Protein backbone atom coordinates (compact mmCIF):
# COMPACT_ATOMS: atom_id res chain seq x y z
CA UNK A 1 -6.87 -3.53 -40.92
CA UNK A 2 -3.68 -1.67 -40.22
CA UNK A 3 -3.93 1.99 -41.19
CA UNK A 4 -1.27 1.93 -44.09
CA UNK A 5 -3.27 -0.83 -45.98
CA UNK A 6 -6.70 1.08 -45.15
CA UNK A 7 -5.18 4.20 -46.59
CA UNK A 8 -3.72 2.68 -49.81
CA UNK A 9 -7.27 1.12 -50.54
CA UNK A 10 -8.99 4.47 -49.80
CA UNK A 11 -6.60 6.22 -52.09
CA UNK A 12 -7.22 3.81 -54.64
CA UNK A 13 -10.84 3.88 -54.51
CA UNK A 14 -11.21 7.57 -54.40
CA UNK A 15 -8.91 7.63 -57.54
CA UNK A 16 -11.46 5.54 -59.65
CA UNK A 17 -14.36 7.22 -58.50
CA UNK A 18 -15.19 6.38 -55.18
CA UNK A 19 -18.53 5.60 -53.75
CA UNK A 20 -19.99 4.10 -50.45
CA UNK A 21 -17.56 2.31 -48.27
CA UNK A 22 -18.59 0.19 -45.39
CA UNK A 23 -16.30 0.20 -42.48
CA UNK A 24 -17.36 -2.95 -40.81
CA UNK A 25 -18.73 -6.39 -42.00
CA UNK A 26 -22.28 -7.54 -41.06
CA UNK A 27 -21.09 -9.84 -38.30
CA UNK A 28 -18.76 -7.09 -36.61
CA UNK A 29 -19.23 -3.91 -34.99
CA UNK A 30 -17.72 -0.66 -36.06
CA UNK A 31 -17.36 0.41 -32.17
CA UNK A 32 -14.94 -2.21 -31.47
CA UNK A 33 -12.24 -0.77 -34.14
CA UNK A 34 -9.79 1.01 -31.87
CA UNK A 35 -8.81 3.05 -35.05
CA UNK A 36 -12.28 4.10 -35.88
CA UNK A 37 -11.67 7.85 -35.35
CA UNK A 38 -8.39 7.75 -36.82
CA UNK A 39 -9.81 6.36 -39.77
CA UNK A 40 -12.78 8.95 -39.93
CA UNK A 41 -10.29 11.68 -39.67
CA UNK A 42 -8.44 10.21 -42.75
CA UNK A 43 -11.54 9.67 -44.68
CA UNK A 44 -12.02 13.51 -44.94
CA UNK A 45 -9.27 13.70 -47.27
CA UNK A 46 -11.38 11.79 -49.95
CA UNK A 47 -14.56 13.61 -50.78
CA UNK A 48 -15.90 11.02 -53.13
CA UNK A 49 -15.95 8.29 -50.61
CA UNK A 50 -19.04 7.82 -48.64
CA UNK A 51 -18.75 5.90 -45.24
CA UNK A 52 -21.27 3.62 -43.85
CA UNK A 53 -21.27 0.99 -41.33
CA UNK A 54 -23.29 -1.34 -39.25
CA UNK A 55 -23.35 -1.84 -35.39
CA UNK A 56 -25.24 -3.59 -32.64
CA UNK A 57 -25.00 -0.30 -30.50
CA UNK A 58 -23.59 -1.55 -27.20
CA UNK A 59 -20.08 -0.42 -28.02
CA UNK A 60 -21.29 3.18 -28.58
CA UNK A 61 -21.75 3.58 -24.72
CA UNK A 62 -18.11 3.89 -24.35
CA UNK A 63 -18.00 7.20 -26.33
CA UNK A 64 -18.95 10.65 -25.37
CA UNK A 65 -21.72 12.86 -26.94
CA UNK A 66 -19.15 14.81 -28.72
CA UNK A 67 -17.35 11.43 -30.27
CA UNK A 68 -20.70 9.92 -31.15
CA UNK A 69 -21.87 13.34 -32.90
CA UNK A 70 -18.44 13.09 -34.95
CA UNK A 71 -19.03 9.56 -36.02
CA UNK A 72 -22.74 10.30 -36.87
CA UNK A 73 -21.67 13.39 -39.14
CA UNK A 74 -19.39 11.20 -40.84
CA UNK A 75 -21.93 8.51 -41.74
CA UNK A 76 -23.91 8.33 -45.09
CA UNK A 77 -25.71 5.44 -43.74
CA UNK A 78 -26.06 3.58 -40.47
CA UNK A 79 -27.41 -0.01 -40.27
CA UNK A 80 -28.37 -0.77 -36.61
CA UNK A 81 -28.89 -4.59 -35.72
CA UNK A 82 -31.16 -4.68 -32.74
CA UNK A 83 -31.85 -8.04 -30.88
CA UNK A 84 -35.57 -8.33 -29.84
CA UNK A 85 -37.86 -5.75 -28.53
CA UNK A 86 -37.43 -5.94 -24.85
CA UNK A 87 -35.06 -7.45 -22.13
CA UNK A 88 -36.24 -10.93 -22.40
CA UNK A 89 -36.28 -11.08 -26.45
CA UNK A 90 -32.76 -9.26 -26.43
CA UNK A 91 -31.23 -12.08 -24.31
CA UNK A 92 -32.93 -14.85 -26.23
CA UNK A 93 -31.42 -13.40 -29.39
CA UNK A 94 -28.12 -12.03 -28.52
CA UNK A 95 -27.18 -14.07 -25.29
CA UNK A 96 -26.54 -10.96 -23.06
CA UNK A 97 -28.32 -8.57 -20.91
CA UNK A 98 -27.58 -5.88 -23.38
CA UNK A 99 -31.11 -4.59 -23.85
CA UNK A 100 -31.13 -1.29 -21.71
CA UNK A 101 -27.56 -0.43 -22.77
CA UNK A 102 -28.42 -0.78 -26.52
CA UNK A 103 -31.90 1.16 -26.14
CA UNK A 104 -30.09 3.97 -24.32
CA UNK A 105 -27.66 4.39 -27.29
CA UNK A 106 -30.49 4.14 -29.67
CA UNK A 107 -32.43 7.36 -27.68
CA UNK A 108 -29.01 9.00 -27.66
CA UNK A 109 -28.47 8.74 -31.46
CA UNK A 110 -31.92 9.95 -32.09
CA UNK A 111 -31.47 13.01 -29.83
CA UNK A 112 -28.20 13.90 -31.44
CA UNK A 113 -29.53 13.64 -34.99
CA UNK A 114 -32.68 15.86 -33.75
CA UNK A 115 -30.55 18.46 -31.90
CA UNK A 116 -28.04 18.83 -34.60
CA UNK A 117 -30.25 18.54 -37.46
CA UNK A 118 -28.58 15.71 -39.23
CA UNK A 119 -29.94 14.39 -42.42
CA UNK A 120 -28.84 10.85 -41.27
CA UNK A 121 -31.61 8.37 -41.10
CA UNK A 122 -30.38 5.26 -39.58
CA UNK A 123 -31.83 1.72 -40.57
CA UNK A 124 -32.73 -0.36 -37.91
CA UNK A 125 -33.25 -4.33 -38.48
CA UNK A 126 -35.04 -6.02 -35.70
CA UNK A 127 -33.96 -9.67 -35.05
CA UNK A 128 -36.59 -11.31 -33.07
CA UNK A 129 -38.00 -14.85 -32.23
CA UNK A 130 -41.49 -13.50 -32.70
CA UNK A 131 -42.27 -11.14 -35.20
CA UNK A 132 -45.80 -10.41 -34.58
CA UNK A 133 -44.84 -9.54 -31.00
CA UNK A 134 -42.07 -7.16 -32.13
CA UNK A 135 -44.37 -5.59 -34.70
CA UNK A 136 -46.59 -4.67 -31.76
CA UNK A 137 -44.36 -3.73 -29.19
CA UNK A 138 -43.62 -0.59 -27.31
CA UNK A 139 -40.33 -0.80 -28.52
CA UNK A 140 -41.20 -0.23 -32.20
CA UNK A 141 -44.03 2.26 -31.15
CA UNK A 142 -41.40 4.28 -29.27
CA UNK A 143 -38.73 4.42 -31.71
CA UNK A 144 -37.26 7.90 -32.37
CA UNK A 145 -38.72 9.22 -35.59
CA UNK A 146 -35.41 9.74 -37.37
CA UNK A 147 -35.21 5.77 -37.57
CA UNK A 148 -36.36 3.67 -40.39
CA UNK A 149 -37.42 0.34 -39.57
CA UNK A 150 -36.06 -1.68 -42.67
CA UNK A 151 -36.76 -5.23 -41.37
CA UNK A 152 -38.57 -7.23 -38.53
CA UNK A 153 -37.37 -10.86 -39.12
CA UNK A 154 -37.71 -14.13 -37.07
CA UNK A 155 -36.46 -16.16 -40.01
CA UNK A 156 -32.75 -16.65 -40.77
CA UNK A 157 -30.72 -18.80 -43.01
CA UNK A 158 -27.62 -20.60 -42.79
CA UNK A 159 -24.86 -18.31 -43.70
CA UNK A 160 -23.19 -20.68 -45.89
CA UNK A 161 -23.96 -23.60 -43.62
CA UNK A 162 -22.53 -22.01 -40.31
CA UNK A 163 -25.89 -21.83 -38.65
CA UNK A 164 -28.20 -24.64 -37.99
CA UNK A 165 -31.72 -25.27 -36.32
CA UNK A 166 -29.90 -25.81 -32.80
CA UNK A 167 -28.26 -22.26 -33.03
CA UNK A 168 -31.48 -20.73 -32.96
CA UNK A 169 -33.71 -19.50 -30.22
CA UNK A 170 -37.18 -21.06 -29.78
CA UNK A 171 -39.56 -19.32 -32.10
CA UNK A 172 -37.17 -18.16 -34.75
CA UNK A 173 -37.05 -20.26 -37.90
CA UNK A 174 -34.34 -21.22 -40.39
CA UNK A 175 -35.19 -21.09 -43.93
CA UNK A 176 -33.30 -22.77 -46.64
CA UNK A 177 -33.77 -21.55 -50.06
CA UNK A 178 -32.97 -23.58 -53.08
CA UNK A 179 -31.07 -21.89 -55.67
CA UNK A 180 -29.54 -25.11 -57.21
CA UNK A 181 -31.55 -24.24 -60.50
CA UNK A 182 -30.86 -20.70 -60.57
CA UNK A 183 -28.88 -19.65 -63.79
CA UNK A 184 -29.28 -15.52 -63.47
CA UNK A 185 -26.62 -14.06 -61.96
CA UNK A 186 -26.71 -12.65 -58.17
CA UNK A 187 -26.54 -8.95 -57.74
CA UNK A 188 -24.26 -8.75 -54.64
CA UNK A 189 -20.98 -9.80 -56.29
CA UNK A 190 -21.89 -7.10 -59.04
CA UNK A 191 -22.52 -4.50 -56.42
CA UNK A 192 -20.11 -4.79 -54.16
CA UNK A 193 -16.40 -5.87 -52.90
CA UNK A 194 -15.58 -7.04 -49.83
CA UNK A 195 -12.27 -6.70 -48.23
CA UNK A 196 -11.04 -8.53 -45.00
CA UNK A 197 -8.84 -7.38 -42.65
CA UNK A 198 -5.60 -8.57 -44.18
CA UNK A 199 -6.38 -7.14 -47.52
CA UNK A 200 -7.75 -10.51 -48.97
CA UNK A 201 -11.02 -10.04 -51.08
CA UNK A 202 -14.04 -12.34 -51.00
CA UNK A 203 -16.48 -12.90 -53.68
CA UNK A 204 -19.49 -12.37 -51.45
CA UNK A 205 -18.85 -10.37 -48.27
CA UNK A 206 -22.56 -11.08 -47.19
CA UNK A 207 -22.07 -14.86 -46.55
CA UNK A 208 -18.35 -15.88 -47.03
CA UNK A 209 -17.43 -15.08 -43.53
CA UNK A 210 -14.47 -18.12 -43.78
CA UNK A 211 -13.18 -16.50 -46.74
CA UNK A 212 -13.79 -19.85 -48.92
CA UNK A 213 -13.88 -18.04 -52.29
CA UNK A 214 -10.92 -15.37 -52.47
CA UNK A 215 -10.87 -13.31 -55.63
CA UNK A 216 -7.87 -11.08 -55.00
CA UNK A 217 -5.50 -9.64 -52.49
CA UNK A 218 -5.37 -5.62 -52.16
CA UNK A 219 -1.94 -5.64 -50.54
CA UNK A 220 -0.58 -6.55 -54.01
CA UNK A 221 -3.14 -5.62 -56.54
CA UNK A 222 -5.37 -2.28 -57.03
CA UNK A 223 -9.02 -2.59 -56.93
CA UNK A 224 -9.53 -2.41 -60.57
CA UNK A 225 -7.13 -5.32 -60.95
CA UNK A 226 -9.23 -7.32 -58.64
CA UNK A 227 -12.35 -6.50 -60.16
CA UNK A 228 -11.35 -7.18 -63.54
CA UNK A 229 -9.38 -10.23 -62.58
CA UNK A 230 -10.72 -13.88 -63.84
CA UNK A 231 -11.39 -15.15 -60.23
CA UNK A 232 -13.88 -12.23 -59.99
CA UNK A 233 -15.25 -12.71 -63.21
CA UNK A 234 -15.84 -16.32 -62.51
CA UNK A 235 -17.60 -15.88 -59.13
CA UNK A 236 -19.79 -13.06 -60.35
CA UNK A 237 -20.91 -15.35 -63.21
CA UNK A 238 -21.08 -18.53 -61.25
CA UNK A 239 -24.95 -18.89 -61.87
CA UNK A 240 -25.02 -18.60 -65.61
CA UNK A 241 -21.96 -20.85 -65.70
CA UNK A 242 -23.49 -23.54 -63.66
CA UNK A 243 -20.75 -23.41 -61.12
CA UNK A 244 -22.54 -22.14 -58.18
CA UNK A 245 -20.56 -22.27 -54.63
CA UNK A 246 -22.10 -24.49 -51.91
CA UNK A 247 -22.76 -21.46 -49.95
CA UNK A 248 -24.79 -19.90 -52.46
CA UNK A 249 -27.03 -22.81 -52.97
CA UNK A 250 -29.40 -22.29 -49.79
CA UNK A 251 -28.56 -18.51 -49.45
CA UNK A 252 -31.83 -16.33 -49.03
CA UNK A 253 -29.75 -13.24 -49.76
CA UNK A 254 -29.72 -14.15 -53.75
CA UNK A 255 -31.08 -11.55 -55.64
CA UNK A 256 -31.33 -11.57 -59.33
CA UNK A 257 -29.14 -9.07 -60.81
CA UNK A 258 -31.77 -8.11 -63.43
CA UNK A 259 -34.57 -7.84 -60.90
CA UNK A 260 -32.03 -5.51 -58.73
CA UNK A 261 -31.02 -3.26 -61.76
CA UNK A 262 -33.42 -3.81 -64.69
CA UNK A 263 -35.82 -1.40 -63.20
CA UNK A 264 -36.17 2.32 -64.65
CA UNK A 265 -35.14 3.76 -61.14
CA UNK A 266 -32.13 1.59 -61.22
CA UNK A 267 -30.72 1.71 -64.76
CA UNK A 268 -28.29 4.43 -64.10
CA UNK A 269 -27.51 3.54 -60.74
CA UNK A 270 -23.75 4.27 -59.52
CA UNK A 271 -21.87 3.26 -56.46
CA UNK A 272 -21.76 7.16 -55.72
CA UNK A 273 -25.38 7.33 -55.62
CA UNK A 274 -26.73 5.17 -52.83
CA UNK A 275 -26.40 1.64 -51.59
CA UNK A 276 -28.25 -0.64 -54.09
CA UNK A 277 -29.97 -2.59 -51.27
CA UNK A 278 -31.46 0.41 -49.73
CA UNK A 279 -33.58 1.12 -52.85
CA UNK A 280 -34.75 -2.61 -52.48
CA UNK A 281 -35.85 -2.31 -49.12
CA UNK A 282 -37.41 0.80 -49.53
CA UNK A 283 -39.43 -0.33 -52.64
CA UNK A 284 -40.47 -3.62 -51.08
CA UNK A 285 -42.00 -1.68 -48.03
CA UNK A 286 -43.77 0.95 -50.01
């Protein structure tokens, strides 16, 4: 995203109260952004915006300790997607010999957090073809103590039909949920707004990577106008109206909005407090 559009969105977001701001989507990596540190410098102007992001870590190798520390100090939450638990399983999952580099960056982040007494607790999601082996691996046993293992997963879904059985490595499983009879809204479009690099907005940033369901355009609309607009309202109420998009039909990320927010701990949840899914991850693991 160009810097002018980024700043306009940040100013708009900050003006309406701010909250958590993801700097990259699930399928991208923040360290591939050539404007990353310029964005971080500008975000210091917005005290009510709390940056977070996701990474595969390999790209962090090109930065110095000083640069990486600046990045870590800027983050309120860091999500790490790690393929496998050793050289072989990493290559199986991600198709490259990147384990050593990624592990080095993992350890470096742990060291910088400890040495500088940062309050950041990165979430790590381990993608593996063998969950049992990963759970008992040296990789998990030797993770720096500051990391929180949010998930070890060998089951994957189709991401709106983009992934099939043949795309998964041996051992990993494709799970197809059946949401066709669900009539309670999904919490994701109620709790987040996802913006493409060109300013267009999708109803679900978790799954709609091909922008099949656009609900607005922040080049010509404000965040509030998009959120209150008819396309966004219709998408958020897709399940109760019986007009469920195809990409939602077999989505394993579906989470009933009442299950997500009706619990006493979540009834007063605000975007400025935390990422809603972190609370859910924590509760499921307790």
